[in-house]
Amino acid sequence: MAEDKQERDARLKAEKEFRVRFLVKETGITETQARDLVDMIGIDAGSLLREARLLKKK
């Protein structure tokens, strides 16, 4: 059975939260910075890590 909009939204929200926690732990950026990156880039792990590492160097 296909997921409905509510299930899809919940899954996406959980994925975003996971990515935020992962970026904070993996790169040392702040939670706010991680949330901003996820909002701008989405949930692609490679892109997020690249940008978070660049951000951390500043």
PDB file of N, CA and C in Angstrom:
ATOM      1  N   MET A   1       0.844  -1.188   0.000  1.00  0.00           N
ATOM      2  CA  MET A   1       0.000   0.000   0.000  1.00  0.00           C
ATOM      3  C   MET A   1       0.885   1.247   0.000  1.00  0.00           C
ATOM      4  N   ALA A   2       0.567   2.207  -0.806  1.00  0.00           N
ATOM      5  CA  ALA A   2       1.338   3.444  -0.899  1.00  0.00           C
ATOM      6  C   ALA A   2       1.113   4.308   0.336  1.00  0.00           C
ATOM      7  N   GLU A   3       2.151   5.048   0.704  1.00  0.00           N
ATOM      8  CA  GLU A   3       2.009   5.913   1.872  1.00  0.00           C
ATOM      9  C   GLU A   3       1.187   7.151   1.510  1.00  0.00           C
ATOM     10  N   ASP A   4       0.439   7.644   2.471  1.00  0.00           N
ATOM     11  CA  ASP A   4      -0.347   8.850   2.212  1.00  0.00           C
ATOM     12  C   ASP A   4       0.500  10.087   2.539  1.00  0.00           C
ATOM     13  N   LYS A   5      -0.057  11.258   2.327  1.00  0.00           N
ATOM     14  CA  LYS A   5       0.674  12.513   2.522  1.00  0.00           C
ATOM     15  C   LYS A   5       1.174  12.654   3.951  1.00  0.00           C
ATOM     16  N   GLN A   6       0.372  12.294   4.919  1.00  0.00           N
ATOM     17  CA  GLN A   6       0.757  12.420   6.323  1.00  0.00           C
ATOM     18  C   GLN A   6       1.955  11.510   6.638  1.00  0.00           C
ATOM     19  N   GLU A   7       1.933  10.303   6.141  1.00  0.00           N
ATOM     20  CA  GLU A   7       3.036   9.364   6.361  1.00  0.00           C
ATOM     21  C   GLU A   7       4.315   9.860   5.662  1.00  0.00           C
ATOM     22  N   ARG A   8       4.161  10.363   4.461  1.00  0.00           N
ATOM     23  CA  ARG A   8       5.298  10.891   3.703  1.00  0.00           C
ATOM     24  C   ARG A   8       5.906  12.093   4.413  1.00  0.00           C
ATOM     25  N   ASP A   9       5.067  12.997   4.909  1.00  0.00           N
ATOM     26  CA  ASP A   9       5.550  14.170   5.638  1.00  0.00           C
ATOM     27  C   ASP A   9       6.287  13.764   6.907  1.00  0.00           C
ATOM     28  N   ALA A  10       5.753  12.774   7.628  1.00  0.00           N
ATOM     29  CA  ALA A  10       6.393  12.296   8.855  1.00  0.00           C
ATOM     30  C   ALA A  10       7.742  11.654   8.553  1.00  0.00           C
ATOM     31  N   ARG A  11       7.803  10.890   7.468  1.00  0.00           N
ATOM     32  CA  ARG A  11       9.062  10.247   7.077  1.00  0.00           C
ATOM     33  C   ARG A  11      10.102  11.292   6.695  1.00  0.00           C
ATOM     34  N   LEU A  12       9.705  12.297   5.943  1.00  0.00           N
ATOM     35  CA  LEU A  12      10.624  13.352   5.529  1.00  0.00           C
ATOM     36  C   LEU A  12      11.121  14.154   6.737  1.00  0.00           C
ATOM     37  N   LYS A  13      10.229  14.451   7.651  1.00  0.00           N
ATOM     38  CA  LYS A  13      10.619  15.180   8.864  1.00  0.00           C
ATOM     39  C   LYS A  13      11.639  14.373   9.668  1.00  0.00           C
ATOM     40  N   ALA A  14      11.415  13.089   9.817  1.00  0.00           N
ATOM     41  CA  ALA A  14      12.339  12.221  10.550  1.00  0.00           C
ATOM     42  C   ALA A  14      13.692  12.156   9.840  1.00  0.00           C
ATOM     43  N   GLU A  15      13.674  12.088   8.527  1.00  0.00           N
ATOM     44  CA  GLU A  15      14.921  12.050   7.749  1.00  0.00           C
ATOM     45  C   GLU A  15      15.700  13.346   7.922  1.00  0.00           C
ATOM     46  N   LYS A  16      15.011  14.470   7.911  1.00  0.00           N
ATOM     47  CA  LYS A  16      15.672  15.760   8.103  1.00  0.00           C
ATOM     48  C   LYS A  16      16.304  15.839   9.492  1.00  0.00           C
ATOM     49  N   GLU A  17      15.582  15.393  10.505  1.00  0.00           N
ATOM     50  CA  GLU A  17      16.118  15.404  11.879  1.00  0.00           C
ATOM     51  C   GLU A  17      17.353  14.509  11.980  1.00  0.00           C
ATOM     52  N   PHE A  18      17.307  13.356  11.340  1.00  0.00           N
ATOM     53  CA  PHE A  18      18.459  12.456  11.334  1.00  0.00           C
ATOM     54  C   PHE A  18      19.660  13.140  10.693  1.00  0.00           C
ATOM     55  N   ARG A  19      19.445  13.785   9.553  1.00  0.00           N
ATOM     56  CA  ARG A  19      20.545  14.461   8.854  1.00  0.00           C
ATOM     57  C   ARG A  19      21.132  15.584   9.698  1.00  0.00           C
ATOM     58  N   VAL A  20      20.293  16.339  10.399  1.00  0.00           N
ATOM     59  CA  VAL A  20      20.780  17.418  11.263  1.00  0.00           C
ATOM     60  C   VAL A  20      21.679  16.842  12.352  1.00  0.00           C
ATOM     61  N   ARG A  21      21.204  15.820  13.048  1.00  0.00           N
ATOM     62  CA  ARG A  21      22.009  15.212  14.122  1.00  0.00           C
ATOM     63  C   ARG A  21      23.313  14.646  13.569  1.00  0.00           C
ATOM     64  N   PHE A  22      23.241  14.008  12.405  1.00  0.00           N
ATOM     65  CA  PHE A  22      24.421  13.436  11.774  1.00  0.00           C
ATOM     66  C   PHE A  22      25.450  14.515  11.456  1.00  0.00           C
ATOM     67  N   LEU A  23      25.021  15.625  10.864  1.00  0.00           N
ATOM     68  CA  LEU A  23      25.943  16.700  10.501  1.00  0.00           C
ATOM     69  C   LEU A  23      26.608  17.307  11.721  1.00  0.00           C
ATOM     70  N   VAL A  24      25.843  17.521  12.774  1.00  0.00           N
ATOM     71  CA  VAL A  24      26.395  18.087  14.002  1.00  0.00           C
ATOM     72  C   VAL A  24      27.474  17.157  14.562  1.00  0.00           C
ATOM     73  N   LYS A  25      27.163  15.896  14.640  1.00  0.00           N
ATOM     74  CA  LYS A  25      28.103  14.919  15.192  1.00  0.00           C
ATOM     75  C   LYS A  25      29.324  14.735  14.281  1.00  0.00           C
ATOM     76  N   GLU A  26      29.100  14.624  13.004  1.00  0.00           N
ATOM     77  CA  GLU A  26      30.167  14.303  12.057  1.00  0.00           C
ATOM     78  C   GLU A  26      31.100  15.479  11.776  1.00  0.00           C
ATOM     79  N   THR A  27      30.575  16.690  11.745  1.00  0.00           N
ATOM     80  CA  THR A  27      31.383  17.836  11.319  1.00  0.00           C
ATOM     81  C   THR A  27      31.629  18.878  12.398  1.00  0.00           C
ATOM     82  N   GLY A  28      30.818  18.868  13.450  1.00  0.00           N
ATOM     83  CA  GLY A  28      31.006  19.838  14.522  1.00  0.00           C
ATOM     84  C   GLY A  28      30.353  21.186  14.288  1.00  0.00           C
ATOM     85  N   ILE A  29      29.537  21.305  13.243  1.00  0.00           N
ATOM     86  CA  ILE A  29      28.814  22.560  13.055  1.00  0.00           C
ATOM     87  C   ILE A  29      27.671  22.630  14.066  1.00  0.00           C
ATOM     88  N   THR A  30      27.094  23.806  14.214  1.00  0.00           N
ATOM     89  CA  THR A  30      25.999  23.952  15.171  1.00  0.00           C
ATOM     90  C   THR A  30      24.715  23.344  14.615  1.00  0.00           C
ATOM     91  N   GLU A  31      23.768  23.111  15.508  1.00  0.00           N
ATOM     92  CA  GLU A  31      22.481  22.571  15.081  1.00  0.00           C
ATOM     93  C   GLU A  31      21.764  23.553  14.153  1.00  0.00           C
ATOM     94  N   THR A  32      21.866  24.825  14.450  1.00  0.00           N
ATOM     95  CA  THR A  32      21.237  25.840  13.603  1.00  0.00           C
ATOM     96  C   THR A  32      21.844  25.830  12.209  1.00  0.00           C
ATOM     97  N   GLN A  33      23.168  25.739  12.129  1.00  0.00           N
ATOM     98  CA  GLN A  33      23.826  25.674  10.829  1.00  0.00           C
ATOM     99  C   GLN A  33      23.387  24.428  10.062  1.00  0.00           C
ATOM    100  N   ALA A  34      23.309  23.308  10.767  1.00  0.00           N
ATOM    101  CA  ALA A  34      22.894  22.061  10.130  1.00  0.00           C
ATOM    102  C   ALA A  34      21.469  22.165   9.603  1.00  0.00           C
ATOM    103  N   ARG A  35      20.572  22.737  10.392  1.00  0.00           N
ATOM    104  CA  ARG A  35      19.180  22.901   9.950  1.00  0.00           C
ATOM    105  C   ARG A  35      19.098  23.802   8.720  1.00  0.00           C
ATOM    106  N   ASP A  36      19.888  24.871   8.722  1.00  0.00           N
ATOM    107  CA  ASP A  36      19.898  25.770   7.568  1.00  0.00           C
ATOM    108  C   ASP A  36      20.372  25.038   6.309  1.00  0.00           C
ATOM    109  N   LEU A  37      21.413  24.216   6.454  1.00  0.00           N
ATOM    110  CA  LEU A  37      21.903  23.462   5.303  1.00  0.00           C
ATOM    111  C   LEU A  37      20.854  22.484   4.786  1.00  0.00           C
ATOM    112  N   VAL A  38      20.206  21.779   5.688  1.00  0.00           N
ATOM    113  CA  VAL A  38      19.171  20.818   5.282  1.00  0.00           C
ATOM    114  C   VAL A  38      18.026  21.553   4.586  1.00  0.00           C
ATOM    115  N   ASP A  39      17.655  22.710   5.094  1.00  0.00           N
ATOM    116  CA  ASP A  39      16.582  23.489   4.462  1.00  0.00           C
ATOM    117  C   ASP A  39      16.975  23.957   3.058  1.00  0.00           C
ATOM    118  N   MET A  40      18.253  24.321   2.883  1.00  0.00           N
ATOM    119  CA  MET A  40      18.711  24.825   1.587  1.00  0.00           C
ATOM    120  C   MET A  40      18.993  23.707   0.588  1.00  0.00           C
ATOM    121  N   ILE A  41      19.612  22.612   1.055  1.00  0.00           N
ATOM    122  CA  ILE A  41      20.109  21.579   0.153  1.00  0.00           C
ATOM    123  C   ILE A  41      19.166  20.391   0.037  1.00  0.00           C
ATOM    124  N   GLY A  42      18.505  20.064   1.119  1.00  0.00           N
ATOM    125  CA  GLY A  42      17.688  18.855   1.139  1.00  0.00           C
ATOM    126  C   GLY A  42      18.387  17.793   1.970  1.00  0.00           C
ATOM    127  N   ILE A  43      18.144  16.524   1.654  1.00  0.00           N
ATOM    128  CA  ILE A  43      18.670  15.456   2.509  1.00  0.00           C
ATOM    129  C   ILE A  43      19.766  14.625   1.834  1.00  0.00           C
ATOM    130  N   ASP A  44      20.331  15.101   0.755  1.00  0.00           N
ATOM    131  CA  ASP A  44      21.418  14.380   0.093  1.00  0.00           C
ATOM    132  C   ASP A  44      22.660  14.413   0.976  1.00  0.00           C
ATOM    133  N   ALA A  45      23.065  13.249   1.477  1.00  0.00           N
ATOM    134  CA  ALA A  45      24.146  13.156   2.456  1.00  0.00           C
ATOM    135  C   ALA A  45      25.466  13.705   1.928  1.00  0.00           C
ATOM    136  N   GLY A  46      25.829  13.362   0.715  1.00  0.00           N
ATOM    137  CA  GLY A  46      27.098  13.825   0.163  1.00  0.00           C
ATOM    138  C   GLY A  46      27.175  15.336   0.053  1.00  0.00           C
ATOM    139  N   SER A  47      26.132  15.934  -0.448  1.00  0.00           N
ATOM    140  CA  SER A  47      26.094  17.393  -0.588  1.00  0.00           C
ATOM    141  C   SER A  47      26.122  18.073   0.770  1.00  0.00           C
ATOM    142  N   LEU A  48      25.363  17.529   1.712  1.00  0.00           N
ATOM    143  CA  LEU A  48      25.331  18.110   3.050  1.00  0.00           C
ATOM    144  C   LEU A  48      26.694  18.043   3.725  1.00  0.00           C
ATOM    145  N   LEU A  49      27.350  16.902   3.641  1.00  0.00           N
ATOM    146  CA  LEU A  49      28.674  16.764   4.258  1.00  0.00           C
ATOM    147  C   LEU A  49      29.687  17.720   3.632  1.00  0.00           C
ATOM    148  N   ARG A  50      29.672  17.827   2.324  1.00  0.00           N
ATOM    149  CA  ARG A  50      30.599  18.726   1.641  1.00  0.00           C
ATOM    150  C   ARG A  50      30.406  20.159   2.125  1.00  0.00           C
ATOM    151  N   GLU A  51      29.176  20.623   2.132  1.00  0.00           N
ATOM    152  CA  GLU A  51      28.902  22.000   2.540  1.00  0.00           C
ATOM    153  C   GLU A  51      29.159  22.224   4.025  1.00  0.00           C
ATOM    154  N   ALA A  52      28.849  21.254   4.856  1.00  0.00           N
ATOM    155  CA  ALA A  52      29.091  21.384   6.293  1.00  0.00           C
ATOM    156  C   ALA A  52      30.582  21.478   6.579  1.00  0.00           C
ATOM    157  N   ARG A  53      31.380  20.689   5.886  1.00  0.00           N
ATOM    158  CA  ARG A  53      32.844  20.737   6.068  1.00  0.00           C
ATOM    159  C   ARG A  53      33.397  22.086   5.607  1.00  0.00           C
ATOM    160  N   LEU A  54      32.875  22.607   4.518  1.00  0.00           N
ATOM    161  CA  LEU A  54      33.298  23.930   4.066  1.00  0.00           C
ATOM    162  C   LEU A  54      32.915  25.003   5.075  1.00  0.00           C
ATOM    163  N   LEU A  55      31.732  24.879   5.615  1.00  0.00           N
ATOM    164  CA  LEU A  55      31.240  25.830   6.613  1.00  0.00           C
ATOM    165  C   LEU A  55      32.101  25.788   7.869  1.00  0.00           C
ATOM    166  N   LYS A  56      32.492  24.623   8.280  1.00  0.00           N
ATOM    167  CA  LYS A  56      33.293  24.446   9.490  1.00  0.00           C
ATOM    168  C   LYS A  56      34.676  25.080   9.331  1.00  0.00           C
ATOM    169  N   LYS A  57      35.217  25.074   8.115  1.00  0.00           N
ATOM    170  CA  LYS A  57      36.543  25.663   7.878  1.00  0.00           C
ATOM    171  C   LYS A  57      36.563  27.170   8.071  1.00  0.00           C
ATOM    172  N   LYS A  58      35.417  27.805   7.903  1.00  0.00           N
ATOM    173  CA  LYS A  58      35.342  29.285   8.008  1.00  0.00           C
ATOM    174  C   LYS A  58      35.537  29.751   9.419  1.00  0.00           C
TER     175      LYS A  58
END
